[in-house]
């Protein structure tokens, strides 16, 4: 989940990352446009970091 609680991302072992927008009122997950996103095969985890200037 991103630091603001607006998006959820989850990796899959087959080389994809799924992205979802989280509805703040209902908690309903809606796929992010373009999701799933291709990554390298064998994903077992991921980290979301906030860039700093």
PDB file of N, CA and C in Angstrom:
ATOM      1  N   UNK A   1       0.857  -1.166   0.000  1.00  0.00           N
ATOM      2  CA  UNK A   1       0.000   0.000   0.000  1.00  0.00           C
ATOM      3  C   UNK A   1       0.907   1.235   0.000  1.00  0.00           C
ATOM      4  N   UNK A   2       0.504   2.245  -0.748  1.00  0.00           N
ATOM      5  CA  UNK A   2       1.318   3.458  -0.765  1.00  0.00           C
ATOM      6  C   UNK A   2       1.175   4.197   0.565  1.00  0.00           C
ATOM      7  N   UNK A   3       2.105   5.113   0.871  1.00  0.00           N
ATOM      8  CA  UNK A   3       2.077   5.803   2.164  1.00  0.00           C
ATOM      9  C   UNK A   3       0.782   6.568   2.447  1.00  0.00           C
ATOM     10  N   UNK A   4       0.057   7.000   1.417  1.00  0.00           N
ATOM     11  CA  UNK A   4      -1.184   7.744   1.614  1.00  0.00           C
ATOM     12  C   UNK A   4      -2.416   6.845   1.692  1.00  0.00           C
ATOM     13  N   UNK A   5      -2.243   5.543   1.496  1.00  0.00           N
ATOM     14  CA  UNK A   5      -3.364   4.615   1.569  1.00  0.00           C
ATOM     15  C   UNK A   5      -4.324   4.710   0.391  1.00  0.00           C
ATOM     16  N   UNK A   6      -3.868   5.258  -0.720  1.00  0.00           N
ATOM     17  CA  UNK A   6      -4.749   5.418  -1.881  1.00  0.00           C
ATOM     18  C   UNK A   6      -4.582   4.321  -2.914  1.00  0.00           C
ATOM     19  N   UNK A   7      -3.436   3.637  -2.881  1.00  0.00           N
ATOM     20  CA  UNK A   7      -3.165   2.607  -3.878  1.00  0.00           C
ATOM     21  C   UNK A   7      -2.589   1.369  -3.213  1.00  0.00           C
ATOM     22  N   UNK A   8      -2.887   0.224  -3.810  1.00  0.00           N
ATOM     23  CA  UNK A   8      -2.357  -1.054  -3.363  1.00  0.00           C
ATOM     24  C   UNK A   8      -1.685  -1.704  -4.553  1.00  0.00           C
ATOM     25  N   UNK A   9      -0.465  -2.178  -4.365  1.00  0.00           N
ATOM     26  CA  UNK A   9       0.264  -2.878  -5.414  1.00  0.00           C
ATOM     27  C   UNK A   9       0.665  -4.237  -4.881  1.00  0.00           C
ATOM     28  N   UNK A  10       0.536  -5.258  -5.721  1.00  0.00           N
ATOM     29  CA  UNK A  10       0.907  -6.593  -5.302  1.00  0.00           C
ATOM     30  C   UNK A  10       1.655  -7.302  -6.422  1.00  0.00           C
ATOM     31  N   UNK A  11       2.810  -7.901  -6.105  1.00  0.00           N
ATOM     32  CA  UNK A  11       3.565  -8.605  -7.131  1.00  0.00           C
ATOM     33  C   UNK A  11       3.039 -10.017  -7.325  1.00  0.00           C
ATOM     34  N   UNK A  12       3.302 -10.570  -8.495  1.00  0.00           N
ATOM     35  CA  UNK A  12       3.013 -11.978  -8.726  1.00  0.00           C
ATOM     36  C   UNK A  12       4.313 -12.650  -9.129  1.00  0.00           C
ATOM     37  N   UNK A  13       4.419 -13.916  -8.848  1.00  0.00           N
ATOM     38  CA  UNK A  13       5.650 -14.653  -9.117  1.00  0.00           C
ATOM     39  C   UNK A  13       5.916 -14.823 -10.610  1.00  0.00           C
ATOM     40  N   UNK A  14       4.896 -14.616 -11.440  1.00  0.00           N
ATOM     41  CA  UNK A  14       5.034 -14.843 -12.886  1.00  0.00           C
ATOM     42  C   UNK A  14       5.464 -13.597 -13.647  1.00  0.00           C
ATOM     43  N   UNK A  15       5.907 -12.538 -12.954  1.00  0.00           N
ATOM     44  CA  UNK A  15       6.451 -11.375 -13.621  1.00  0.00           C
ATOM     45  C   UNK A  15       5.497 -10.228 -13.848  1.00  0.00           C
ATOM     46  N   UNK A  16       4.504 -10.073 -12.986  1.00  0.00           N
ATOM     47  CA  UNK A  16       3.543  -8.978 -13.101  1.00  0.00           C
ATOM     48  C   UNK A  16       3.362  -8.301 -11.747  1.00  0.00           C
ATOM     49  N   UNK A  17       3.043  -7.020 -11.785  1.00  0.00           N
ATOM     50  CA  UNK A  17       2.629  -6.292 -10.578  1.00  0.00           C
ATOM     51  C   UNK A  17       1.237  -5.750 -10.850  1.00  0.00           C
ATOM     52  N   UNK A  18       0.312  -6.044  -9.955  1.00  0.00           N
ATOM     53  CA  UNK A  18      -1.067  -5.579 -10.073  1.00  0.00           C
ATOM     54  C   UNK A  18      -1.234  -4.317  -9.233  1.00  0.00           C
ATOM     55  N   UNK A  19      -1.885  -3.308  -9.809  1.00  0.00           N
ATOM     56  CA  UNK A  19      -2.132  -2.070  -9.101  1.00  0.00           C
ATOM     57  C   UNK A  19      -3.616  -1.817  -8.944  1.00  0.00           C
ATOM     58  N   UNK A  20      -4.010  -1.328  -7.777  1.00  0.00           N
ATOM     59  CA  UNK A  20      -5.415  -1.038  -7.484  1.00  0.00           C
ATOM     60  C   UNK A  20      -5.522   0.316  -6.790  1.00  0.00           C
ATOM     61  N   UNK A  21      -6.538   1.079  -7.149  1.00  0.00           N
ATOM     62  CA  UNK A  21      -6.889   2.298  -6.413  1.00  0.00           C
ATOM     63  C   UNK A  21      -7.854   1.887  -5.305  1.00  0.00           C
ATOM     64  N   UNK A  22      -7.708   2.491  -4.137  1.00  0.00           N
ATOM     65  CA  UNK A  22      -8.564   2.169  -2.984  1.00  0.00           C
ATOM     66  C   UNK A  22      -9.559   3.303  -2.779  1.00  0.00           C
ATOM     67  N   UNK A  23     -10.844   2.983  -2.796  1.00  0.00           N
ATOM     68  CA  UNK A  23     -11.881   3.974  -2.529  1.00  0.00           C
ATOM     69  C   UNK A  23     -11.847   4.305  -1.033  1.00  0.00           C
ATOM     70  N   UNK A  24     -11.631   5.569  -0.702  1.00  0.00           N
ATOM     71  CA  UNK A  24     -11.490   5.985   0.696  1.00  0.00           C
ATOM     72  C   UNK A  24     -12.750   5.767   1.515  1.00  0.00           C
ATOM     73  N   UNK A  25     -13.905   5.766   0.897  1.00  0.00           N
ATOM     74  CA  UNK A  25     -15.165   5.595   1.621  1.00  0.00           C
ATOM     75  C   UNK A  25     -15.527   4.143   1.824  1.00  0.00           C
ATOM     76  N   UNK A  26     -15.426   3.350   0.758  1.00  0.00           N
ATOM     77  CA  UNK A  26     -15.886   1.964   0.817  1.00  0.00           C
ATOM     78  C   UNK A  26     -14.776   0.937   0.942  1.00  0.00           C
ATOM     79  N   UNK A  27     -13.539   1.326   0.601  1.00  0.00           N
ATOM     80  CA  UNK A  27     -12.439   0.373   0.602  1.00  0.00           C
ATOM     81  C   UNK A  27     -12.401  -0.484  -0.659  1.00  0.00           C
ATOM     82  N   UNK A  28     -13.299  -0.219  -1.594  1.00  0.00           N
ATOM     83  CA  UNK A  28     -13.374  -0.981  -2.837  1.00  0.00           C
ATOM     84  C   UNK A  28     -12.103  -0.790  -3.643  1.00  0.00           C
ATOM     85  N   UNK A  29     -11.576  -1.881  -4.193  1.00  0.00           N
ATOM     86  CA  UNK A  29     -10.391  -1.844  -5.032  1.00  0.00           C
ATOM     87  C   UNK A  29     -10.797  -1.775  -6.496  1.00  0.00           C
ATOM     88  N   UNK A  30     -10.189  -0.844  -7.237  1.00  0.00           N
ATOM     89  CA  UNK A  30     -10.429  -0.689  -8.664  1.00  0.00           C
ATOM     90  C   UNK A  30      -9.082  -0.803  -9.372  1.00  0.00           C
ATOM     91  N   UNK A  31      -8.977  -1.653 -10.413  1.00  0.00           N
ATOM     92  CA  UNK A  31      -7.694  -1.788 -11.106  1.00  0.00           C
ATOM     93  C   UNK A  31      -7.190  -0.452 -11.649  1.00  0.00           C
ATOM     94  N   UNK A  32      -5.891  -0.207 -11.501  1.00  0.00           N
ATOM     95  CA  UNK A  32      -5.235   0.976 -12.045  1.00  0.00           C
ATOM     96  C   UNK A  32      -5.116   0.775 -13.562  1.00  0.00           C
ATOM     97  N   UNK A  33      -5.380   1.813 -14.367  1.00  0.00           N
ATOM     98  CA  UNK A  33      -5.238   1.658 -15.814  1.00  0.00           C
ATOM     99  C   UNK A  33      -3.842   1.145 -16.196  1.00  0.00           C
ATOM    100  N   UNK A  34      -3.806   0.149 -17.049  1.00  0.00           N
ATOM    101  CA  UNK A  34      -2.554  -0.453 -17.472  1.00  0.00           C
ATOM    102  C   UNK A  34      -2.121  -1.643 -16.629  1.00  0.00           C
ATOM    103  N   UNK A  35      -2.796  -1.875 -15.517  1.00  0.00           N
ATOM    104  CA  UNK A  35      -2.468  -2.985 -14.633  1.00  0.00           C
ATOM    105  C   UNK A  35      -2.989  -4.285 -15.234  1.00  0.00           C
ATOM    106  N   UNK A  36      -2.238  -5.366 -15.179  1.00  0.00           N
ATOM    107  CA  UNK A  36      -0.969  -5.562 -14.501  1.00  0.00           C
ATOM    108  C   UNK A  36       0.208  -5.011 -15.308  1.00  0.00           C
ATOM    109  N   UNK A  37       1.280  -4.686 -14.580  1.00  0.00           N
ATOM    110  CA  UNK A  37       2.493  -4.143 -15.173  1.00  0.00           C
ATOM    111  C   UNK A  37       3.549  -5.239 -15.219  1.00  0.00           C
ATOM    112  N   UNK A  38       4.269  -5.317 -16.335  1.00  0.00           N
ATOM    113  CA  UNK A  38       5.305  -6.345 -16.484  1.00  0.00           C
ATOM    114  C   UNK A  38       6.539  -5.998 -15.655  1.00  0.00           C
ATOM    115  N   UNK A  39       7.095  -7.028 -15.029  1.00  0.00           N
ATOM    116  CA  UNK A  39       8.342  -6.901 -14.270  1.00  0.00           C
ATOM    117  C   UNK A  39       9.192  -8.119 -14.598  1.00  0.00           C
ATOM    118  N   UNK A  40      10.210  -8.350 -13.844  1.00  0.00           N
ATOM    119  CA  UNK A  40      11.006  -9.553 -14.030  1.00  0.00           C
ATOM    120  C   UNK A  40      10.309 -10.759 -13.428  1.00  0.00           C
ATOM    121  N   UNK A  41      10.586 -11.922 -13.963  1.00  0.00           N
ATOM    122  CA  UNK A  41       9.981 -13.158 -13.458  1.00  0.00           C
ATOM    123  C   UNK A  41      10.606 -13.515 -12.111  1.00  0.00           C
ATOM    124  N   UNK A  42       9.790 -14.039 -11.206  1.00  0.00           N
ATOM    125  CA  UNK A  42      10.268 -14.490  -9.907  1.00  0.00           C
ATOM    126  C   UNK A  42      10.095 -13.472  -8.802  1.00  0.00           C
ATOM    127  N   UNK A  43       9.134 -12.568  -8.936  1.00  0.00           N
ATOM    128  CA  UNK A  43       8.880 -11.573  -7.884  1.00  0.00           C
ATOM    129  C   UNK A  43       8.468 -12.267  -6.600  1.00  0.00           C
ATOM    130  N   UNK A  44       9.128 -11.920  -5.523  1.00  0.00           N
ATOM    131  CA  UNK A  44       8.724 -12.467  -4.232  1.00  0.00           C
ATOM    132  C   UNK A  44       8.406 -11.361  -3.231  1.00  0.00           C
ATOM    133  N   UNK A  45       8.627 -10.141  -3.624  1.00  0.00           N
ATOM    134  CA  UNK A  45       8.336  -9.014  -2.752  1.00  0.00           C
ATOM    135  C   UNK A  45       8.606  -7.706  -3.479  1.00  0.00           C
ATOM    136  N   UNK A  46       8.218  -6.615  -2.867  1.00  0.00           N
ATOM    137  CA  UNK A  46       8.470  -5.305  -3.442  1.00  0.00           C
ATOM    138  C   UNK A  46       8.462  -4.273  -2.337  1.00  0.00           C
ATOM    139  N   UNK A  47       9.037  -3.129  -2.625  1.00  0.00           N
ATOM    140  CA  UNK A  47       9.053  -2.021  -1.665  1.00  0.00           C
ATOM    141  C   UNK A  47       8.570  -0.772  -2.368  1.00  0.00           C
ATOM    142  N   UNK A  48       7.758   0.018  -1.709  1.00  0.00           N
ATOM    143  CA  UNK A  48       7.322   1.303  -2.224  1.00  0.00           C
ATOM    144  C   UNK A  48       8.032   2.362  -1.408  1.00  0.00           C
ATOM    145  N   UNK A  49       8.765   3.207  -2.081  1.00  0.00           N
ATOM    146  CA  UNK A  49       9.509   4.250  -1.382  1.00  0.00           C
ATOM    147  C   UNK A  49       9.075   5.616  -1.882  1.00  0.00           C
ATOM    148  N   UNK A  50       9.205   6.592  -1.024  1.00  0.00           N
ATOM    149  CA  UNK A  50       8.862   7.953  -1.384  1.00  0.00           C
ATOM    150  C   UNK A  50      10.147   8.686  -1.758  1.00  0.00           C
ATOM    151  N   UNK A  51      10.237   9.143  -3.026  1.00  0.00           N
ATOM    152  CA  UNK A  51      11.449   9.862  -3.425  1.00  0.00           C
ATOM    153  C   UNK A  51      11.619  11.150  -2.615  1.00  0.00           C
ATOM    154  N   UNK A  52      12.831  11.476  -2.319  1.00  0.00           N
ATOM    155  CA  UNK A  52      13.128  12.725  -1.622  1.00  0.00           C
ATOM    156  C   UNK A  52      13.958  13.616  -2.533  1.00  0.00           C
ATOM    157  N   UNK A  53      13.747  14.914  -2.456  1.00  0.00           N
ATOM    158  CA  UNK A  53      14.498  15.821  -3.344  1.00  0.00           C
ATOM    159  C   UNK A  53      15.980  15.852  -3.028  1.00  0.00           C
TER     160      UNK A  53
END
